[in-house]
Structure formats: structure tokens, C-alpha cells
Amino acid sequence: MNPPAVPDAVLETQNRHSLVTNIYSLVPFDLRRPVDQLISYLCGPNSSIGLDSSLPTLFLAECVLVYMPSEESFQLIKGLAAHFPHSAFLHYEQA
């Protein structure tokens, strides 16, 4: 099995804080904001990200959920799971 081709060029960078290609998006977002704002940011009609919620998607939260109230973390994961039916959420914390 061959790995997917690496894109030749980055399609978009914003203030050196995000990286968006045709196969990968790494974007910043303040997770204290409501999950519907995150969904709009990722795939809303005015989104520069243009994420298709029907495609397989991996969400990565690295060393962040531990600093959020548990109810906010729950709502974040619940909201993403509801809007992205073919997604996985990888939660990484240092122990």
C-alpha cells in the first residue's frame, strides 16, 4: 500500500498559525467558544477551510481538554460527533 501523495504546495497559510492543503488542515481555534462556532469556522458557507463533514475526519486535541471544564469538553466532542458522522477524536494528554 502506497502512502498518499504529499501536496506540492500549501494552499493557504494564515498568520503562520494554520496550514491548509488539499488533504490536510491544521487550524487554530479557541475551544472555549461554542462548538457550533467551530463547525461554522471549519465548514460554514464563509469558511476558508471548506471542510466537508461527510468525509472521514480526525480531530486531534493535544494537551488541551484537561484545562477545560468537563462539561465543555463533553459538549465539544458531542457536537463534533453529531456534525461529522465519519470522524474520530484523538485526545492526547501527558501523564
N, C-alpha and C. Protein backbone atom coordinates (compact mmCIF):
# COMPACT_ATOMS: atom_id res chain seq x y z
N MET A 1 0.85 -1.18 0.00
CA MET A 1 0.00 0.00 0.00
C MET A 1 0.89 1.24 0.00
N ASN A 2 0.68 2.11 -0.93
CA ASN A 2 1.47 3.34 -1.03
C ASN A 2 0.83 4.45 -0.22
N PRO A 3 1.65 5.27 0.45
CA PRO A 3 1.08 6.41 1.17
C PRO A 3 0.52 7.43 0.20
N PRO A 4 -0.43 8.27 0.64
CA PRO A 4 -0.98 9.29 -0.25
C PRO A 4 0.11 10.27 -0.66
N ALA A 5 -0.05 10.82 -1.83
CA ALA A 5 0.91 11.80 -2.33
C ALA A 5 0.92 13.03 -1.42
N VAL A 6 2.09 13.55 -1.22
CA VAL A 6 2.24 14.77 -0.42
C VAL A 6 1.95 15.95 -1.33
N PRO A 7 1.12 16.88 -0.89
CA PRO A 7 0.81 18.02 -1.75
C PRO A 7 2.07 18.82 -2.05
N ASP A 8 2.15 19.31 -3.27
CA ASP A 8 3.31 20.10 -3.69
C ASP A 8 3.34 21.47 -3.06
N ALA A 9 2.19 22.02 -2.79
CA ALA A 9 2.16 23.39 -2.28
C ALA A 9 1.09 23.53 -1.22
N VAL A 10 1.35 24.40 -0.31
CA VAL A 10 0.36 24.74 0.70
C VAL A 10 -0.66 25.65 0.04
N LEU A 11 -1.93 25.34 0.21
CA LEU A 11 -2.97 26.14 -0.41
C LEU A 11 -3.21 27.44 0.34
N GLU A 12 -3.01 27.40 1.65
CA GLU A 12 -3.32 28.59 2.44
C GLU A 12 -2.52 28.56 3.73
N THR A 13 -2.01 29.69 4.13
CA THR A 13 -1.48 29.86 5.47
C THR A 13 -2.03 31.17 6.00
N GLN A 14 -2.38 31.18 7.25
CA GLN A 14 -2.94 32.38 7.86
C GLN A 14 -2.08 32.76 9.05
N ASN A 15 -1.39 33.87 8.94
CA ASN A 15 -0.58 34.38 10.05
C ASN A 15 0.36 33.33 10.63
N ARG A 16 0.78 32.39 9.81
CA ARG A 16 1.70 31.33 10.24
C ARG A 16 1.14 30.46 11.36
N HIS A 17 -0.16 30.50 11.57
CA HIS A 17 -0.78 29.70 12.63
C HIS A 17 -1.60 28.54 12.08
N SER A 18 -1.79 28.49 10.78
CA SER A 18 -2.56 27.39 10.20
C SER A 18 -1.88 26.89 8.94
N LEU A 19 -2.23 25.68 8.59
CA LEU A 19 -1.71 25.05 7.39
C LEU A 19 -2.87 24.30 6.75
N VAL A 20 -3.21 24.66 5.54
CA VAL A 20 -4.34 24.03 4.85
C VAL A 20 -3.86 23.58 3.48
N THR A 21 -3.97 22.27 3.22
CA THR A 21 -3.64 21.72 1.90
C THR A 21 -4.88 21.00 1.39
N ASN A 22 -4.75 20.35 0.23
CA ASN A 22 -5.91 19.64 -0.30
C ASN A 22 -6.20 18.34 0.45
N ILE A 23 -5.29 17.89 1.33
CA ILE A 23 -5.54 16.66 2.08
C ILE A 23 -5.38 16.82 3.59
N TYR A 24 -5.00 17.99 4.06
CA TYR A 24 -4.69 18.16 5.48
C TYR A 24 -4.96 19.60 5.89
N SER A 25 -5.58 19.77 7.05
CA SER A 25 -5.79 21.12 7.60
C SER A 25 -5.39 21.12 9.06
N LEU A 26 -4.53 22.04 9.41
CA LEU A 26 -4.12 22.26 10.79
C LEU A 26 -4.49 23.71 11.08
N VAL A 27 -5.50 23.90 11.94
CA VAL A 27 -6.03 25.25 12.15
C VAL A 27 -6.17 25.56 13.64
N PRO A 28 -5.96 26.81 14.00
CA PRO A 28 -6.14 27.21 15.39
C PRO A 28 -7.60 27.58 15.65
N PHE A 29 -8.05 27.33 16.87
CA PHE A 29 -9.39 27.75 17.27
C PHE A 29 -9.45 27.77 18.79
N ASP A 30 -10.08 28.77 19.34
CA ASP A 30 -10.25 28.88 20.79
C ASP A 30 -11.38 27.94 21.21
N LEU A 31 -11.05 26.83 21.83
CA LEU A 31 -12.05 25.82 22.18
C LEU A 31 -12.97 26.23 23.31
N ARG A 32 -12.75 27.40 23.88
CA ARG A 32 -13.69 27.92 24.88
C ARG A 32 -14.94 28.46 24.20
N ARG A 33 -14.86 28.70 22.91
CA ARG A 33 -16.03 29.17 22.16
C ARG A 33 -16.97 27.99 21.89
N PRO A 34 -18.25 28.25 21.64
CA PRO A 34 -19.22 27.17 21.41
C PRO A 34 -18.85 26.31 20.20
N VAL A 35 -19.19 25.03 20.27
CA VAL A 35 -18.83 24.09 19.21
C VAL A 35 -19.48 24.46 17.88
N ASP A 36 -20.65 25.08 17.89
CA ASP A 36 -21.27 25.48 16.62
C ASP A 36 -20.43 26.53 15.90
N GLN A 37 -19.70 27.36 16.64
CA GLN A 37 -18.80 28.33 16.02
C GLN A 37 -17.60 27.62 15.40
N LEU A 38 -17.12 26.57 16.04
CA LEU A 38 -16.03 25.78 15.46
C LEU A 38 -16.48 25.11 14.17
N ILE A 39 -17.66 24.53 14.17
CA ILE A 39 -18.19 23.88 12.98
C ILE A 39 -18.36 24.89 11.85
N SER A 40 -18.87 26.05 12.15
CA SER A 40 -19.01 27.10 11.15
C SER A 40 -17.65 27.54 10.61
N TYR A 41 -16.67 27.65 11.50
CA TYR A 41 -15.31 28.02 11.11
C TYR A 41 -14.71 26.98 10.16
N LEU A 42 -14.99 25.72 10.41
CA LEU A 42 -14.41 24.64 9.60
C LEU A 42 -15.14 24.41 8.29
N CYS A 43 -16.47 24.49 8.30
CA CYS A 43 -17.20 24.10 7.09
C CYS A 43 -18.42 24.96 6.78
N GLY A 44 -18.50 26.14 7.37
CA GLY A 44 -19.62 27.03 7.07
C GLY A 44 -19.49 27.66 5.69
N PRO A 45 -20.54 28.34 5.24
CA PRO A 45 -20.53 28.93 3.90
C PRO A 45 -19.45 29.98 3.69
N ASN A 46 -19.00 30.63 4.75
CA ASN A 46 -17.96 31.65 4.62
C ASN A 46 -16.59 31.13 5.08
N SER A 47 -16.47 29.84 5.26
CA SER A 47 -15.23 29.25 5.77
C SER A 47 -14.16 29.20 4.69
N SER A 48 -12.96 29.61 5.05
CA SER A 48 -11.84 29.46 4.12
C SER A 48 -11.25 28.05 4.20
N ILE A 49 -11.66 27.27 5.21
CA ILE A 49 -11.18 25.90 5.37
C ILE A 49 -11.91 24.97 4.41
N GLY A 50 -13.22 25.10 4.35
CA GLY A 50 -14.02 24.31 3.41
C GLY A 50 -14.05 22.82 3.70
N LEU A 51 -14.07 22.45 4.96
CA LEU A 51 -14.09 21.04 5.35
C LEU A 51 -15.44 20.42 5.00
N ASP A 52 -15.41 19.24 4.41
CA ASP A 52 -16.62 18.50 4.06
C ASP A 52 -16.93 17.55 5.21
N SER A 53 -18.02 17.78 5.91
CA SER A 53 -18.35 16.99 7.10
C SER A 53 -18.73 15.55 6.78
N SER A 54 -18.91 15.21 5.51
CA SER A 54 -19.24 13.83 5.15
C SER A 54 -17.99 12.97 4.95
N LEU A 55 -16.82 13.60 4.90
CA LEU A 55 -15.57 12.86 4.69
C LEU A 55 -14.98 12.39 6.02
N PRO A 56 -14.22 11.30 6.00
CA PRO A 56 -13.54 10.87 7.23
C PRO A 56 -12.63 11.99 7.74
N THR A 57 -12.73 12.27 9.02
CA THR A 57 -12.00 13.39 9.62
C THR A 57 -11.44 12.97 10.97
N LEU A 58 -10.20 13.36 11.22
CA LEU A 58 -9.57 13.12 12.51
C LEU A 58 -9.41 14.45 13.22
N PHE A 59 -9.97 14.56 14.43
CA PHE A 59 -9.77 15.72 15.28
C PHE A 59 -8.73 15.36 16.32
N LEU A 60 -7.76 16.23 16.49
CA LEU A 60 -6.67 16.00 17.44
C LEU A 60 -6.68 17.11 18.47
N ALA A 61 -6.80 16.74 19.73
CA ALA A 61 -6.73 17.69 20.84
C ALA A 61 -5.51 17.31 21.67
N GLU A 62 -4.50 18.12 21.62
CA GLU A 62 -3.24 17.81 22.29
C GLU A 62 -3.06 18.71 23.51
N CYS A 63 -3.11 18.10 24.67
CA CYS A 63 -2.86 18.81 25.94
C CYS A 63 -3.76 20.03 26.11
N VAL A 64 -5.05 19.86 25.81
CA VAL A 64 -5.96 20.99 25.93
C VAL A 64 -7.20 20.68 26.78
N LEU A 65 -7.77 19.51 26.64
CA LEU A 65 -9.04 19.22 27.31
C LEU A 65 -8.89 19.20 28.83
N VAL A 66 -7.73 18.88 29.32
CA VAL A 66 -7.51 18.86 30.76
C VAL A 66 -7.69 20.24 31.38
N TYR A 67 -7.54 21.28 30.60
CA TYR A 67 -7.67 22.65 31.09
C TYR A 67 -9.08 23.21 30.93
N MET A 68 -9.97 22.42 30.34
CA MET A 68 -11.35 22.86 30.13
C MET A 68 -12.26 22.21 31.17
N PRO A 69 -13.35 22.89 31.56
CA PRO A 69 -14.34 22.23 32.41
C PRO A 69 -14.88 20.99 31.70
N SER A 70 -15.13 19.93 32.43
CA SER A 70 -15.53 18.66 31.82
C SER A 70 -16.80 18.79 30.98
N GLU A 71 -17.75 19.61 31.38
CA GLU A 71 -18.98 19.79 30.60
C GLU A 71 -18.67 20.42 29.25
N GLU A 72 -17.75 21.37 29.20
CA GLU A 72 -17.37 22.00 27.92
C GLU A 72 -16.66 20.99 27.02
N SER A 73 -15.80 20.16 27.59
CA SER A 73 -15.13 19.12 26.81
C SER A 73 -16.15 18.15 26.24
N PHE A 74 -17.11 17.75 27.07
CA PHE A 74 -18.16 16.83 26.63
C PHE A 74 -18.96 17.43 25.48
N GLN A 75 -19.36 18.70 25.60
CA GLN A 75 -20.15 19.35 24.55
C GLN A 75 -19.35 19.47 23.25
N LEU A 76 -18.06 19.73 23.36
CA LEU A 76 -17.20 19.81 22.18
C LEU A 76 -17.19 18.48 21.43
N ILE A 77 -16.90 17.41 22.13
CA ILE A 77 -16.82 16.09 21.49
C ILE A 77 -18.19 15.66 20.97
N LYS A 78 -19.23 15.89 21.74
CA LYS A 78 -20.60 15.53 21.33
C LYS A 78 -21.01 16.30 20.07
N GLY A 79 -20.72 17.60 20.03
CA GLY A 79 -21.08 18.42 18.88
C GLY A 79 -20.34 18.02 17.62
N LEU A 80 -19.04 17.74 17.75
CA LEU A 80 -18.27 17.30 16.59
C LEU A 80 -18.75 15.95 16.08
N ALA A 81 -19.03 15.03 17.00
CA ALA A 81 -19.51 13.70 16.60
C ALA A 81 -20.86 13.79 15.88
N ALA A 82 -21.72 14.70 16.32
CA ALA A 82 -23.03 14.85 15.69
C ALA A 82 -22.92 15.42 14.28
N HIS A 83 -21.99 16.34 14.07
CA HIS A 83 -21.88 17.01 12.77
C HIS A 83 -20.97 16.27 11.79
N PHE A 84 -20.03 15.50 12.31
CA PHE A 84 -19.08 14.77 11.48
C PHE A 84 -19.26 13.27 11.74
N PRO A 85 -20.19 12.62 11.02
CA PRO A 85 -20.52 11.22 11.32
C PRO A 85 -19.39 10.23 11.05
N HIS A 86 -18.41 10.61 10.24
CA HIS A 86 -17.30 9.71 9.90
C HIS A 86 -16.00 10.26 10.48
N SER A 87 -16.04 10.61 11.75
CA SER A 87 -14.87 11.23 12.36
C SER A 87 -14.37 10.43 13.55
N ALA A 88 -13.16 10.75 13.93
CA ALA A 88 -12.56 10.19 15.16
C ALA A 88 -11.97 11.37 15.92
N PHE A 89 -11.93 11.24 17.22
CA PHE A 89 -11.39 12.29 18.08
C PHE A 89 -10.24 11.69 18.87
N LEU A 90 -9.05 12.19 18.63
CA LEU A 90 -7.87 11.72 19.34
C LEU A 90 -7.51 12.73 20.42
N HIS A 91 -7.55 12.27 21.64
CA HIS A 91 -7.29 13.13 22.79
C HIS A 91 -5.97 12.69 23.41
N TYR A 92 -5.00 13.58 23.41
CA TYR A 92 -3.67 13.27 23.93
C TYR A 92 -3.36 14.18 25.10
N GLU A 93 -2.98 13.59 26.21
CA GLU A 93 -2.54 14.35 27.39
C GLU A 93 -1.26 13.72 27.91
N GLN A 94 -0.41 14.53 28.48
CA GLN A 94 0.79 14.00 29.13
C GLN A 94 0.40 13.48 30.50
N ALA A 95 0.95 12.36 30.87
CA ALA A 95 0.62 11.78 32.17
C ALA A 95 1.78 11.96 33.14
